[in-house]
Amino acid sequence: MSAIKICGIKRIDDAIDAAKFGANAIGFNFYRKSKRYISPEEARKIINEIPPFICIVGVFVNEEIETVKDICSYCGIDIIQFHGDESPQYCEKFEKRIIKAFRLRDERDVEKISLYRVNAILVDSFKEGEYGGTGMGFNEILIKKIEMRQRLILAGGLGVDNVEDAILKIRPYGVDVCSGVEIKPGVKDRDKMKIFIERAREAFQKIAERGDD
């Protein structure tokens, strides 16, 4: 437990900085309607420059199965993150490790999670018409009702000022940040990335020292 993912990467300098500061994973958004959309061609150029041992995550929203597979093969994606309305059956069509994102509104969304057989779940805030990167905060009460807590990745409204407190309260497997370390969509703030990763690491270390994990 202590995974840190920087998502919505569009620039090579941001990817290299994220890796240098200690991010475990870097995410590329292939959803065309996203402000942080990146083409497979541009993503591949960046991925080829990223140091080894950094996990590459491809983010997709309600995409055709063959398109997802083609992009993952072309770019060298390690883990697929589905951030749309993908069914449990859809997620089972892939051989790669899967993260399924859920935008929590109420307990019905919590109940859906148990239907999925995936490697990890990501909980994000709900905003009508948007799939991630909203900058809105998370619902602590709903999150604590999720059974799959040992594979839970926390997202939504995280930033340098609240990541430590969020980790200590929720004790997730990992955290995922996008808008919370940006100057504008797709352009990361170097200092915020560094501080975010440092504070997240410190919080995870506190949990490990307490033996809470």
N, C-alpha and C. Protein backbone atom coordinates (compact mmCIF):
# COMPACT_ATOMS: atom_id res chain seq x y z
N MET A 1 0.84 -1.20 0.00
CA MET A 1 0.00 0.00 0.00
C MET A 1 0.87 1.24 0.00
N SER A 2 0.75 2.07 -1.04
CA SER A 2 1.43 3.36 -1.14
C SER A 2 1.61 3.76 -2.59
N ALA A 3 0.65 3.41 -3.44
CA ALA A 3 0.74 3.74 -4.86
C ALA A 3 0.29 5.17 -5.11
N ILE A 4 1.07 5.87 -5.94
CA ILE A 4 0.75 7.26 -6.29
C ILE A 4 0.74 7.38 -7.81
N LYS A 5 -0.39 7.84 -8.34
CA LYS A 5 -0.54 7.99 -9.80
C LYS A 5 -0.78 9.44 -10.16
N ILE A 6 -0.03 9.91 -11.15
CA ILE A 6 -0.24 11.24 -11.72
C ILE A 6 -0.93 11.03 -13.06
N CYS A 7 -2.13 11.56 -13.22
CA CYS A 7 -2.93 11.29 -14.42
C CYS A 7 -3.10 12.54 -15.28
N GLY A 8 -3.55 12.30 -16.52
CA GLY A 8 -3.79 13.40 -17.44
C GLY A 8 -2.53 13.99 -18.02
N ILE A 9 -1.51 13.16 -18.21
CA ILE A 9 -0.23 13.64 -18.75
C ILE A 9 -0.36 13.93 -20.24
N LYS A 10 0.13 15.09 -20.64
CA LYS A 10 0.15 15.47 -22.06
C LYS A 10 1.53 15.95 -22.53
N ARG A 11 2.45 16.18 -21.57
CA ARG A 11 3.76 16.73 -21.92
C ARG A 11 4.87 15.83 -21.38
N ILE A 12 5.91 15.69 -22.15
CA ILE A 12 7.01 14.81 -21.76
C ILE A 12 7.71 15.29 -20.49
N ASP A 13 7.87 16.60 -20.34
CA ASP A 13 8.52 17.13 -19.13
C ASP A 13 7.73 16.77 -17.88
N ASP A 14 6.41 16.82 -17.96
CA ASP A 14 5.57 16.47 -16.82
C ASP A 14 5.72 14.99 -16.47
N ALA A 15 5.78 14.14 -17.49
CA ALA A 15 5.93 12.71 -17.25
C ALA A 15 7.26 12.39 -16.57
N ILE A 16 8.33 12.99 -17.07
CA ILE A 16 9.65 12.74 -16.50
C ILE A 16 9.75 13.28 -15.08
N ASP A 17 9.18 14.47 -14.84
CA ASP A 17 9.19 15.03 -13.49
C ASP A 17 8.41 14.14 -12.52
N ALA A 18 7.25 13.66 -12.96
CA ALA A 18 6.44 12.79 -12.10
C ALA A 18 7.22 11.55 -11.71
N ALA A 19 7.92 10.97 -12.67
CA ALA A 19 8.73 9.78 -12.39
C ALA A 19 9.89 10.12 -11.45
N LYS A 20 10.52 11.24 -11.69
CA LYS A 20 11.66 11.65 -10.86
C LYS A 20 11.25 11.93 -9.42
N PHE A 21 10.07 12.48 -9.24
CA PHE A 21 9.60 12.80 -7.89
C PHE A 21 9.10 11.58 -7.13
N GLY A 22 8.92 10.46 -7.84
CA GLY A 22 8.56 9.23 -7.15
C GLY A 22 7.18 8.67 -7.41
N ALA A 23 6.51 9.12 -8.48
CA ALA A 23 5.21 8.54 -8.83
C ALA A 23 5.39 7.08 -9.24
N ASN A 24 4.46 6.24 -8.83
CA ASN A 24 4.49 4.83 -9.23
C ASN A 24 3.90 4.62 -10.61
N ALA A 25 2.93 5.47 -10.95
CA ALA A 25 2.20 5.29 -12.21
C ALA A 25 1.91 6.64 -12.85
N ILE A 26 1.82 6.60 -14.18
CA ILE A 26 1.52 7.80 -14.97
C ILE A 26 0.37 7.46 -15.91
N GLY A 27 -0.65 8.33 -15.93
CA GLY A 27 -1.85 8.03 -16.71
C GLY A 27 -2.01 8.90 -17.94
N PHE A 28 -2.47 8.27 -19.02
CA PHE A 28 -2.74 8.96 -20.28
C PHE A 28 -4.21 8.78 -20.63
N ASN A 29 -4.89 9.89 -20.94
CA ASN A 29 -6.33 9.88 -21.16
C ASN A 29 -6.63 9.82 -22.66
N PHE A 30 -7.24 8.70 -23.06
CA PHE A 30 -7.57 8.49 -24.47
C PHE A 30 -9.05 8.75 -24.77
N TYR A 31 -9.72 9.45 -23.87
CA TYR A 31 -11.13 9.81 -24.07
C TYR A 31 -11.18 11.13 -24.85
N ARG A 32 -11.70 11.10 -26.05
CA ARG A 32 -11.61 12.25 -26.96
C ARG A 32 -12.33 13.49 -26.45
N LYS A 33 -13.32 13.33 -25.60
CA LYS A 33 -14.06 14.49 -25.09
C LYS A 33 -13.39 15.12 -23.87
N SER A 34 -12.32 14.52 -23.40
CA SER A 34 -11.63 15.05 -22.21
C SER A 34 -10.76 16.24 -22.57
N LYS A 35 -10.62 17.16 -21.62
CA LYS A 35 -9.71 18.29 -21.78
C LYS A 35 -8.26 17.82 -21.81
N ARG A 36 -8.04 16.62 -21.32
CA ARG A 36 -6.67 16.09 -21.23
C ARG A 36 -6.44 14.96 -22.24
N TYR A 37 -7.27 14.91 -23.26
CA TYR A 37 -7.11 13.87 -24.27
C TYR A 37 -5.73 13.96 -24.93
N ILE A 38 -5.14 12.80 -25.14
CA ILE A 38 -3.87 12.72 -25.85
C ILE A 38 -4.00 11.64 -26.92
N SER A 39 -3.48 11.90 -28.09
CA SER A 39 -3.55 10.92 -29.16
C SER A 39 -2.61 9.76 -28.86
N PRO A 40 -2.89 8.58 -29.37
CA PRO A 40 -1.98 7.45 -29.17
C PRO A 40 -0.56 7.75 -29.67
N GLU A 41 -0.46 8.51 -30.74
CA GLU A 41 0.85 8.83 -31.30
C GLU A 41 1.68 9.70 -30.35
N GLU A 42 1.03 10.71 -29.76
CA GLU A 42 1.74 11.57 -28.82
C GLU A 42 2.05 10.83 -27.52
N ALA A 43 1.10 10.01 -27.07
CA ALA A 43 1.33 9.23 -25.84
C ALA A 43 2.52 8.29 -26.02
N ARG A 44 2.60 7.66 -27.17
CA ARG A 44 3.70 6.72 -27.42
C ARG A 44 5.05 7.42 -27.37
N LYS A 45 5.13 8.63 -27.92
CA LYS A 45 6.38 9.39 -27.88
C LYS A 45 6.82 9.63 -26.45
N ILE A 46 5.87 10.02 -25.59
CA ILE A 46 6.19 10.30 -24.19
C ILE A 46 6.56 9.01 -23.46
N ILE A 47 5.78 7.96 -23.67
CA ILE A 47 6.02 6.69 -22.98
C ILE A 47 7.41 6.15 -23.30
N ASN A 48 7.86 6.34 -24.51
CA ASN A 48 9.19 5.86 -24.90
C ASN A 48 10.32 6.58 -24.17
N GLU A 49 10.02 7.73 -23.56
CA GLU A 49 11.03 8.52 -22.84
C GLU A 49 10.96 8.34 -21.33
N ILE A 50 9.94 7.63 -20.86
CA ILE A 50 9.75 7.46 -19.42
C ILE A 50 10.73 6.41 -18.90
N PRO A 51 11.35 6.66 -17.75
CA PRO A 51 12.29 5.68 -17.17
C PRO A 51 11.62 4.35 -16.89
N PRO A 52 12.41 3.27 -16.76
CA PRO A 52 11.83 1.95 -16.47
C PRO A 52 11.24 1.88 -15.06
N PHE A 53 10.42 0.88 -14.84
CA PHE A 53 9.79 0.58 -13.56
C PHE A 53 8.68 1.56 -13.18
N ILE A 54 8.24 2.39 -14.14
CA ILE A 54 7.08 3.25 -13.94
C ILE A 54 5.91 2.60 -14.67
N CYS A 55 4.80 2.42 -13.97
CA CYS A 55 3.63 1.78 -14.57
C CYS A 55 2.88 2.77 -15.46
N ILE A 56 2.54 2.34 -16.67
CA ILE A 56 1.84 3.19 -17.63
C ILE A 56 0.37 2.78 -17.67
N VAL A 57 -0.51 3.74 -17.39
CA VAL A 57 -1.95 3.49 -17.33
C VAL A 57 -2.66 4.21 -18.48
N GLY A 58 -3.50 3.48 -19.18
CA GLY A 58 -4.33 4.07 -20.23
C GLY A 58 -5.75 4.23 -19.74
N VAL A 59 -6.29 5.44 -19.85
CA VAL A 59 -7.64 5.73 -19.37
C VAL A 59 -8.60 5.78 -20.56
N PHE A 60 -9.69 5.01 -20.46
CA PHE A 60 -10.67 4.93 -21.54
C PHE A 60 -12.08 5.11 -20.98
N VAL A 61 -12.97 5.62 -21.83
CA VAL A 61 -14.36 5.84 -21.43
C VAL A 61 -15.28 5.28 -22.52
N ASN A 62 -15.98 4.21 -22.19
CA ASN A 62 -16.98 3.64 -23.10
C ASN A 62 -16.45 3.44 -24.51
N GLU A 63 -15.27 2.91 -24.61
CA GLU A 63 -14.60 2.73 -25.91
C GLU A 63 -14.84 1.32 -26.46
N GLU A 64 -14.73 1.19 -27.77
CA GLU A 64 -14.84 -0.13 -28.39
C GLU A 64 -13.69 -1.02 -27.91
N ILE A 65 -14.00 -2.30 -27.69
CA ILE A 65 -13.02 -3.22 -27.14
C ILE A 65 -11.77 -3.30 -28.01
N GLU A 66 -11.94 -3.45 -29.31
CA GLU A 66 -10.78 -3.58 -30.19
C GLU A 66 -9.95 -2.30 -30.24
N THR A 67 -10.60 -1.16 -30.12
CA THR A 67 -9.86 0.11 -30.09
C THR A 67 -8.98 0.18 -28.86
N VAL A 68 -9.52 -0.22 -27.71
CA VAL A 68 -8.73 -0.23 -26.48
C VAL A 68 -7.52 -1.14 -26.64
N LYS A 69 -7.74 -2.33 -27.15
CA LYS A 69 -6.65 -3.28 -27.31
C LYS A 69 -5.59 -2.77 -28.27
N ASP A 70 -6.02 -2.15 -29.36
CA ASP A 70 -5.08 -1.63 -30.35
C ASP A 70 -4.21 -0.51 -29.76
N ILE A 71 -4.84 0.41 -29.03
CA ILE A 71 -4.10 1.53 -28.43
C ILE A 71 -3.13 1.01 -27.37
N CYS A 72 -3.57 0.06 -26.56
CA CYS A 72 -2.70 -0.49 -25.52
C CYS A 72 -1.47 -1.17 -26.14
N SER A 73 -1.68 -1.90 -27.20
CA SER A 73 -0.57 -2.58 -27.87
C SER A 73 0.38 -1.57 -28.51
N TYR A 74 -0.17 -0.58 -29.17
CA TYR A 74 0.64 0.42 -29.88
C TYR A 74 1.47 1.26 -28.91
N CYS A 75 0.86 1.66 -27.79
CA CYS A 75 1.52 2.57 -26.85
C CYS A 75 2.37 1.87 -25.79
N GLY A 76 2.09 0.59 -25.55
CA GLY A 76 2.80 -0.10 -24.47
C GLY A 76 2.17 0.17 -23.11
N ILE A 77 0.84 0.08 -23.05
CA ILE A 77 0.11 0.34 -21.82
C ILE A 77 0.20 -0.89 -20.90
N ASP A 78 0.46 -0.66 -19.62
CA ASP A 78 0.57 -1.75 -18.65
C ASP A 78 -0.77 -2.08 -18.00
N ILE A 79 -1.52 -1.05 -17.65
CA ILE A 79 -2.79 -1.22 -16.93
C ILE A 79 -3.86 -0.39 -17.64
N ILE A 80 -5.07 -0.95 -17.74
CA ILE A 80 -6.19 -0.23 -18.35
C ILE A 80 -7.09 0.29 -17.24
N GLN A 81 -7.45 1.57 -17.35
CA GLN A 81 -8.40 2.16 -16.39
C GLN A 81 -9.65 2.55 -17.15
N PHE A 82 -10.78 1.94 -16.76
CA PHE A 82 -12.06 2.25 -17.38
C PHE A 82 -12.81 3.24 -16.51
N HIS A 83 -13.15 4.36 -17.12
CA HIS A 83 -13.75 5.45 -16.34
C HIS A 83 -15.16 5.79 -16.80
N GLY A 84 -15.77 4.86 -17.54
CA GLY A 84 -17.12 5.13 -18.04
C GLY A 84 -18.16 4.20 -17.43
N ASP A 85 -19.07 3.74 -18.28
CA ASP A 85 -20.17 2.89 -17.82
C ASP A 85 -19.94 1.43 -18.21
N GLU A 86 -18.68 1.03 -18.27
CA GLU A 86 -18.33 -0.32 -18.69
C GLU A 86 -18.91 -1.37 -17.72
N SER A 87 -19.46 -2.43 -18.29
CA SER A 87 -20.07 -3.48 -17.48
C SER A 87 -19.01 -4.45 -16.96
N PRO A 88 -19.37 -5.28 -15.97
CA PRO A 88 -18.43 -6.31 -15.52
C PRO A 88 -18.02 -7.24 -16.65
N GLN A 89 -18.95 -7.57 -17.53
CA GLN A 89 -18.66 -8.45 -18.66
C GLN A 89 -17.67 -7.81 -19.64
N TYR A 90 -17.83 -6.53 -19.86
CA TYR A 90 -16.91 -5.79 -20.73
C TYR A 90 -15.49 -5.85 -20.16
N CYS A 91 -15.36 -5.61 -18.87
CA CYS A 91 -14.03 -5.58 -18.23
C CYS A 91 -13.32 -6.93 -18.30
N GLU A 92 -14.09 -7.99 -18.39
CA GLU A 92 -13.51 -9.33 -18.43
C GLU A 92 -12.97 -9.70 -19.81
N LYS A 93 -13.14 -8.81 -20.80
CA LYS A 93 -12.68 -9.10 -22.16
C LYS A 93 -11.19 -8.82 -22.36
N PHE A 94 -10.52 -8.35 -21.31
CA PHE A 94 -9.13 -7.91 -21.46
C PHE A 94 -8.19 -8.76 -20.60
N GLU A 95 -7.01 -9.02 -21.14
CA GLU A 95 -6.02 -9.82 -20.42
C GLU A 95 -5.16 -8.97 -19.49
N LYS A 96 -5.09 -7.66 -19.74
CA LYS A 96 -4.28 -6.79 -18.89
C LYS A 96 -4.98 -6.53 -17.56
N ARG A 97 -4.21 -6.04 -16.60
CA ARG A 97 -4.79 -5.65 -15.31
C ARG A 97 -5.74 -4.48 -15.52
N ILE A 98 -6.82 -4.49 -14.75
CA ILE A 98 -7.88 -3.51 -14.93
C ILE A 98 -8.13 -2.71 -13.65
N ILE A 99 -8.24 -1.40 -13.81
CA ILE A 99 -8.76 -0.51 -12.76
C ILE A 99 -10.13 -0.03 -13.23
N LYS A 100 -11.13 -0.21 -12.43
CA LYS A 100 -12.46 0.30 -12.79
C LYS A 100 -12.80 1.48 -11.90
N ALA A 101 -13.12 2.60 -12.52
CA ALA A 101 -13.46 3.81 -11.78
C ALA A 101 -14.97 3.89 -11.55
N PHE A 102 -15.34 4.40 -10.38
CA PHE A 102 -16.74 4.59 -10.02
C PHE A 102 -16.92 6.02 -9.52
N ARG A 103 -17.88 6.71 -10.10
CA ARG A 103 -18.21 8.07 -9.65
C ARG A 103 -19.35 7.95 -8.64
N LEU A 104 -19.02 8.07 -7.37
CA LEU A 104 -19.98 7.78 -6.31
C LEU A 104 -21.00 8.89 -6.12
N ARG A 105 -22.27 8.49 -6.21
CA ARG A 105 -23.37 9.40 -5.91
C ARG A 105 -24.11 8.98 -4.65
N ASP A 106 -24.42 7.67 -4.58
CA ASP A 106 -25.18 7.15 -3.45
C ASP A 106 -24.83 5.68 -3.23
N GLU A 107 -25.55 5.03 -2.34
CA GLU A 107 -25.23 3.64 -1.99
C GLU A 107 -25.44 2.67 -3.14
N ARG A 108 -26.26 3.02 -4.10
CA ARG A 108 -26.45 2.15 -5.26
C ARG A 108 -25.14 1.99 -6.03
N ASP A 109 -24.35 3.06 -6.09
CA ASP A 109 -23.05 2.99 -6.76
C ASP A 109 -22.09 2.10 -5.98
N VAL A 110 -22.18 2.14 -4.67
CA VAL A 110 -21.34 1.28 -3.83
C VAL A 110 -21.68 -0.18 -4.08
N GLU A 111 -22.97 -0.48 -4.21
CA GLU A 111 -23.41 -1.85 -4.43
C GLU A 111 -22.92 -2.41 -5.77
N LYS A 112 -22.80 -1.56 -6.77
CA LYS A 112 -22.34 -2.01 -8.09
C LYS A 112 -20.92 -2.55 -8.04
N ILE A 113 -20.11 -2.00 -7.17
CA ILE A 113 -18.69 -2.35 -7.13
C ILE A 113 -18.47 -3.84 -6.92
N SER A 114 -19.33 -4.45 -6.10
CA SER A 114 -19.15 -5.87 -5.78
C SER A 114 -19.35 -6.79 -6.98
N LEU A 115 -19.91 -6.27 -8.06
CA LEU A 115 -20.16 -7.08 -9.25
C LEU A 115 -18.93 -7.21 -10.14
N TYR A 116 -17.92 -6.40 -9.88
CA TYR A 116 -16.75 -6.35 -10.75
C TYR A 116 -15.60 -7.19 -10.21
N ARG A 117 -14.98 -7.97 -11.10
CA ARG A 117 -13.79 -8.75 -10.77
C ARG A 117 -12.60 -8.09 -11.45
N VAL A 118 -12.09 -7.06 -10.81
CA VAL A 118 -10.99 -6.29 -11.39
C VAL A 118 -9.83 -6.23 -10.40
N ASN A 119 -8.70 -5.71 -10.84
CA ASN A 119 -7.50 -5.67 -9.99
C ASN A 119 -7.55 -4.55 -8.96
N ALA A 120 -8.24 -3.48 -9.29
CA ALA A 120 -8.38 -2.36 -8.34
C ALA A 120 -9.59 -1.54 -8.73
N ILE A 121 -10.12 -0.82 -7.76
CA ILE A 121 -11.21 0.11 -8.04
C ILE A 121 -10.74 1.53 -7.70
N LEU A 122 -11.24 2.48 -8.45
CA LEU A 122 -10.92 3.88 -8.21
C LEU A 122 -12.21 4.60 -7.93
N VAL A 123 -12.26 5.33 -6.83
CA VAL A 123 -13.47 6.08 -6.49
C VAL A 123 -13.23 7.56 -6.74
N ASP A 124 -14.14 8.13 -7.49
CA ASP A 124 -14.04 9.53 -7.90
C ASP A 124 -15.34 10.23 -7.55
N SER A 125 -15.32 11.54 -7.55
CA SER A 125 -16.52 12.31 -7.29
C SER A 125 -17.40 12.33 -8.53
N PHE A 126 -18.69 12.55 -8.31
CA PHE A 126 -19.64 12.56 -9.43
C PHE A 126 -19.94 14.00 -9.85
N LYS A 127 -19.86 14.21 -11.18
CA LYS A 127 -20.31 15.46 -11.78
C LYS A 127 -20.96 15.11 -13.10
N GLU A 128 -22.19 15.53 -13.27
CA GLU A 128 -22.96 15.16 -14.46
C GLU A 128 -22.21 15.48 -15.74
N GLY A 129 -22.08 14.46 -16.61
CA GLY A 129 -21.48 14.65 -17.93
C GLY A 129 -19.97 14.63 -17.96
N GLU A 130 -19.30 14.46 -16.81
CA GLU A 130 -17.83 14.45 -16.79
C GLU A 130 -17.33 13.13 -16.20
N TYR A 131 -16.28 12.59 -16.84
CA TYR A 131 -15.68 11.33 -16.40
C TYR A 131 -14.28 11.59 -15.87
N GLY A 132 -14.19 12.02 -14.60
CA GLY A 132 -12.88 12.25 -13.98
C GLY A 132 -12.35 13.65 -14.21
N GLY A 133 -11.34 14.00 -13.38
CA GLY A 133 -10.70 15.30 -13.52
C GLY A 133 -11.59 16.48 -13.18
N THR A 134 -12.60 16.24 -12.32
CA THR A 134 -13.54 17.31 -12.00
C THR A 134 -13.01 18.24 -10.92
N GLY A 135 -12.08 17.76 -10.10
CA GLY A 135 -11.56 18.57 -9.00
C GLY A 135 -12.48 18.61 -7.80
N MET A 136 -13.58 17.86 -7.85
CA MET A 136 -14.53 17.83 -6.73
C MET A 136 -14.09 16.83 -5.68
N GLY A 137 -14.49 17.05 -4.44
CA GLY A 137 -14.08 16.22 -3.32
C GLY A 137 -14.77 14.87 -3.28
N PHE A 138 -14.27 13.98 -2.41
CA PHE A 138 -14.82 12.64 -2.31
C PHE A 138 -15.79 12.54 -1.14
N ASN A 139 -16.64 11.49 -1.19
CA ASN A 139 -17.64 11.25 -0.16
C ASN A 139 -17.09 10.20 0.80
N GLU A 140 -16.59 10.64 1.94
CA GLU A 140 -15.94 9.74 2.89
C GLU A 140 -16.89 8.69 3.43
N ILE A 141 -18.14 9.04 3.67
CA ILE A 141 -19.11 8.11 4.23
C ILE A 141 -19.36 6.96 3.26
N LEU A 142 -19.55 7.27 1.98
CA LEU A 142 -19.79 6.23 0.99
C LEU A 142 -18.56 5.35 0.80
N ILE A 143 -17.39 5.95 0.76
CA ILE A 143 -16.17 5.19 0.53
C ILE A 143 -15.94 4.16 1.62
N LYS A 144 -16.25 4.51 2.85
CA LYS A 144 -16.01 3.59 3.96
C LYS A 144 -16.97 2.41 3.95
N LYS A 145 -17.98 2.44 3.08
CA LYS A 145 -18.91 1.31 2.95
C LYS A 145 -18.45 0.31 1.89
N ILE A 146 -17.37 0.64 1.18
CA ILE A 146 -16.88 -0.24 0.13
C ILE A 146 -16.11 -1.41 0.75
N GLU A 147 -16.40 -2.62 0.32
CA GLU A 147 -15.74 -3.80 0.88
C GLU A 147 -14.32 -3.97 0.36
N MET A 148 -14.07 -3.63 -0.89
CA MET A 148 -12.78 -3.89 -1.53
C MET A 148 -11.77 -2.79 -1.19
N ARG A 149 -11.62 -2.51 0.09
CA ARG A 149 -10.79 -1.39 0.53
C ARG A 149 -9.30 -1.63 0.30
N GLN A 150 -8.87 -2.89 0.30
CA GLN A 150 -7.45 -3.18 0.14
C GLN A 150 -6.96 -2.92 -1.28
N ARG A 151 -7.89 -2.74 -2.22
CA ARG A 151 -7.53 -2.44 -3.61
C ARG A 151 -8.15 -1.12 -4.05
N LEU A 152 -8.37 -0.22 -3.11
CA LEU A 152 -9.07 1.03 -3.41
C LEU A 152 -8.09 2.16 -3.72
N ILE A 153 -8.32 2.83 -4.83
CA ILE A 153 -7.53 4.00 -5.21
C ILE A 153 -8.42 5.22 -5.06
N LEU A 154 -7.95 6.20 -4.33
CA LEU A 154 -8.74 7.39 -4.03
C LEU A 154 -8.42 8.51 -5.01
N ALA A 155 -9.47 9.10 -5.58
CA ALA A 155 -9.31 10.23 -6.51
C ALA A 155 -10.43 11.23 -6.24
N GLY A 156 -10.36 12.36 -6.91
CA GLY A 156 -11.42 13.34 -6.78
C GLY A 156 -11.13 14.39 -5.73
N GLY A 157 -10.76 15.58 -6.18
CA GLY A 157 -10.55 16.69 -5.26
C GLY A 157 -9.28 16.64 -4.45
N LEU A 158 -8.37 15.74 -4.78
CA LEU A 158 -7.11 15.67 -4.03
C LEU A 158 -6.12 16.73 -4.49
N GLY A 159 -5.36 17.25 -3.54
CA GLY A 159 -4.33 18.24 -3.84
C GLY A 159 -3.30 18.27 -2.73
N VAL A 160 -2.38 19.19 -2.81
CA VAL A 160 -1.30 19.24 -1.83
C VAL A 160 -1.80 19.53 -0.43
N ASP A 161 -2.94 20.21 -0.31
CA ASP A 161 -3.42 20.62 1.01
C ASP A 161 -4.22 19.54 1.73
N ASN A 162 -4.71 18.54 1.00
CA ASN A 162 -5.59 17.56 1.66
C ASN A 162 -5.19 16.11 1.46
N VAL A 163 -4.16 15.83 0.66
CA VAL A 163 -3.84 14.43 0.36
C VAL A 163 -3.43 13.65 1.61
N GLU A 164 -2.65 14.28 2.47
CA GLU A 164 -2.21 13.56 3.67
C GLU A 164 -3.39 13.20 4.56
N ASP A 165 -4.27 14.14 4.79
CA ASP A 165 -5.44 13.90 5.63
C ASP A 165 -6.35 12.84 5.01
N ALA A 166 -6.51 12.89 3.68
CA ALA A 166 -7.36 11.91 3.00
C ALA A 166 -6.82 10.50 3.14
N ILE A 167 -5.52 10.35 2.99
CA ILE A 167 -4.91 9.02 3.11
C ILE A 167 -5.05 8.48 4.54
N LEU A 168 -4.82 9.33 5.52
CA LEU A 168 -4.91 8.89 6.91
C LEU A 168 -6.35 8.53 7.30
N LYS A 169 -7.33 9.20 6.70
CA LYS A 169 -8.73 8.90 7.01
C LYS A 169 -9.23 7.65 6.30
N ILE A 170 -8.91 7.53 5.00
CA ILE A 170 -9.47 6.46 4.18
C ILE A 170 -8.58 5.23 4.15
N ARG A 171 -7.26 5.42 4.27
CA ARG A 171 -6.27 4.34 4.19
C ARG A 171 -6.44 3.54 2.88
N PRO A 172 -6.35 4.20 1.74
CA PRO A 172 -6.52 3.52 0.46
C PRO A 172 -5.26 2.77 0.05
N TYR A 173 -5.37 1.96 -0.98
CA TYR A 173 -4.20 1.31 -1.58
C TYR A 173 -3.33 2.37 -2.25
N GLY A 174 -3.99 3.35 -2.88
CA GLY A 174 -3.23 4.38 -3.59
C GLY A 174 -4.06 5.63 -3.80
N VAL A 175 -3.42 6.65 -4.34
CA VAL A 175 -4.11 7.91 -4.68
C VAL A 175 -3.81 8.27 -6.12
N ASP A 176 -4.76 8.99 -6.71
CA ASP A 176 -4.68 9.38 -8.12
C ASP A 176 -5.01 10.87 -8.20
N VAL A 177 -4.11 11.65 -8.78
CA VAL A 177 -4.35 13.09 -8.87
C VAL A 177 -4.20 13.56 -10.31
N CYS A 178 -5.02 14.54 -10.66
CA CYS A 178 -4.97 15.11 -11.99
C CYS A 178 -5.05 16.64 -11.89
N SER A 179 -6.26 17.16 -11.76
CA SER A 179 -6.43 18.61 -11.73
C SER A 179 -5.79 19.26 -10.50
N GLY A 180 -5.62 18.50 -9.43
CA GLY A 180 -5.06 19.06 -8.20
C GLY A 180 -3.61 19.45 -8.28
N VAL A 181 -2.91 19.05 -9.35
CA VAL A 181 -1.50 19.44 -9.51
C VAL A 181 -1.29 20.09 -10.88
N GLU A 182 -2.31 20.80 -11.35
CA GLU A 182 -2.23 21.43 -12.67
C GLU A 182 -2.24 22.95 -12.62
N ILE A 183 -1.62 23.54 -13.62
CA ILE A 183 -1.73 24.97 -13.88
C ILE A 183 -2.99 25.21 -14.71
N LYS A 184 -3.20 24.33 -15.69
CA LYS A 184 -4.40 24.29 -16.52
C LYS A 184 -4.52 22.86 -17.04
N PRO A 185 -5.67 22.46 -17.58
CA PRO A 185 -5.83 21.07 -18.02
C PRO A 185 -4.69 20.60 -18.93
N GLY A 186 -4.01 19.54 -18.50
CA GLY A 186 -2.93 18.97 -19.30
C GLY A 186 -1.57 19.57 -19.07
N VAL A 187 -1.48 20.59 -18.22
CA VAL A 187 -0.19 21.22 -17.90
C VAL A 187 0.02 21.14 -16.39
N LYS A 188 0.99 20.34 -15.98
CA LYS A 188 1.21 20.12 -14.55
C LYS A 188 2.05 21.23 -13.92
N ASP A 189 1.78 21.47 -12.64
CA ASP A 189 2.57 22.39 -11.83
C ASP A 189 3.67 21.56 -11.18
N ARG A 190 4.91 21.80 -11.57
CA ARG A 190 6.05 20.99 -11.13
C ARG A 190 6.17 20.95 -9.60
N ASP A 191 6.04 22.11 -8.97
CA ASP A 191 6.18 22.18 -7.51
C ASP A 191 5.05 21.43 -6.81
N LYS A 192 3.83 21.58 -7.33
CA LYS A 192 2.70 20.89 -6.71
C LYS A 192 2.83 19.37 -6.85
N MET A 193 3.30 18.91 -8.00
CA MET A 193 3.51 17.47 -8.16
C MET A 193 4.49 16.94 -7.12
N LYS A 194 5.59 17.66 -6.96
CA LYS A 194 6.62 17.23 -6.02
C LYS A 194 6.08 17.18 -4.60
N ILE A 195 5.39 18.25 -4.19
CA ILE A 195 4.85 18.32 -2.83
C ILE A 195 3.77 17.27 -2.62
N PHE A 196 2.92 17.09 -3.61
CA PHE A 196 1.85 16.10 -3.51
C PHE A 196 2.43 14.70 -3.26
N ILE A 197 3.41 14.33 -4.06
CA ILE A 197 4.02 13.00 -3.93
C ILE A 197 4.72 12.86 -2.57
N GLU A 198 5.42 13.89 -2.13
CA GLU A 198 6.11 13.85 -0.84
C GLU A 198 5.11 13.67 0.30
N ARG A 199 4.03 14.44 0.27
CA ARG A 199 3.05 14.36 1.36
C ARG A 199 2.29 13.04 1.34
N ALA A 200 2.01 12.53 0.15
CA ALA A 200 1.36 11.23 0.06
C ALA A 200 2.26 10.14 0.63
N ARG A 201 3.54 10.17 0.27
CA ARG A 201 4.50 9.18 0.79
C ARG A 201 4.58 9.26 2.31
N GLU A 202 4.62 10.46 2.85
CA GLU A 202 4.69 10.62 4.30
C GLU A 202 3.47 10.03 4.99
N ALA A 203 2.30 10.23 4.38
CA ALA A 203 1.06 9.70 4.98
C ALA A 203 1.05 8.18 4.94
N PHE A 204 1.44 7.61 3.82
CA PHE A 204 1.48 6.15 3.72
C PHE A 204 2.50 5.57 4.71
N GLN A 205 3.60 6.29 4.91
CA GLN A 205 4.61 5.83 5.86
C GLN A 205 4.07 5.84 7.29
N LYS A 206 3.29 6.85 7.63
CA LYS A 206 2.68 6.92 8.96
C LYS A 206 1.76 5.72 9.18
N ILE A 207 1.00 5.35 8.17
CA ILE A 207 0.10 4.21 8.29
C ILE A 207 0.90 2.93 8.49
N ALA A 208 1.98 2.78 7.72
CA ALA A 208 2.82 1.59 7.82
C ALA A 208 3.44 1.48 9.22
N GLU A 209 3.88 2.60 9.76
CA GLU A 209 4.51 2.59 11.08
C GLU A 209 3.52 2.25 12.18
N ARG A 210 2.26 2.63 11.95
CA ARG A 210 1.21 2.31 12.94
C ARG A 210 0.74 0.86 12.83
N GLY A 211 1.05 0.25 11.68
CA GLY A 211 0.58 -1.11 11.43
C GLY A 211 -0.86 -1.16 11.06
N ASP A 212 -1.39 -0.05 10.48
CA ASP A 212 -2.81 0.01 10.13
C ASP A 212 -3.12 -0.62 8.79
N ASP A 213 -2.09 -0.98 8.00
CA ASP A 213 -2.37 -1.49 6.67
C ASP A 213 -2.48 -3.00 6.66
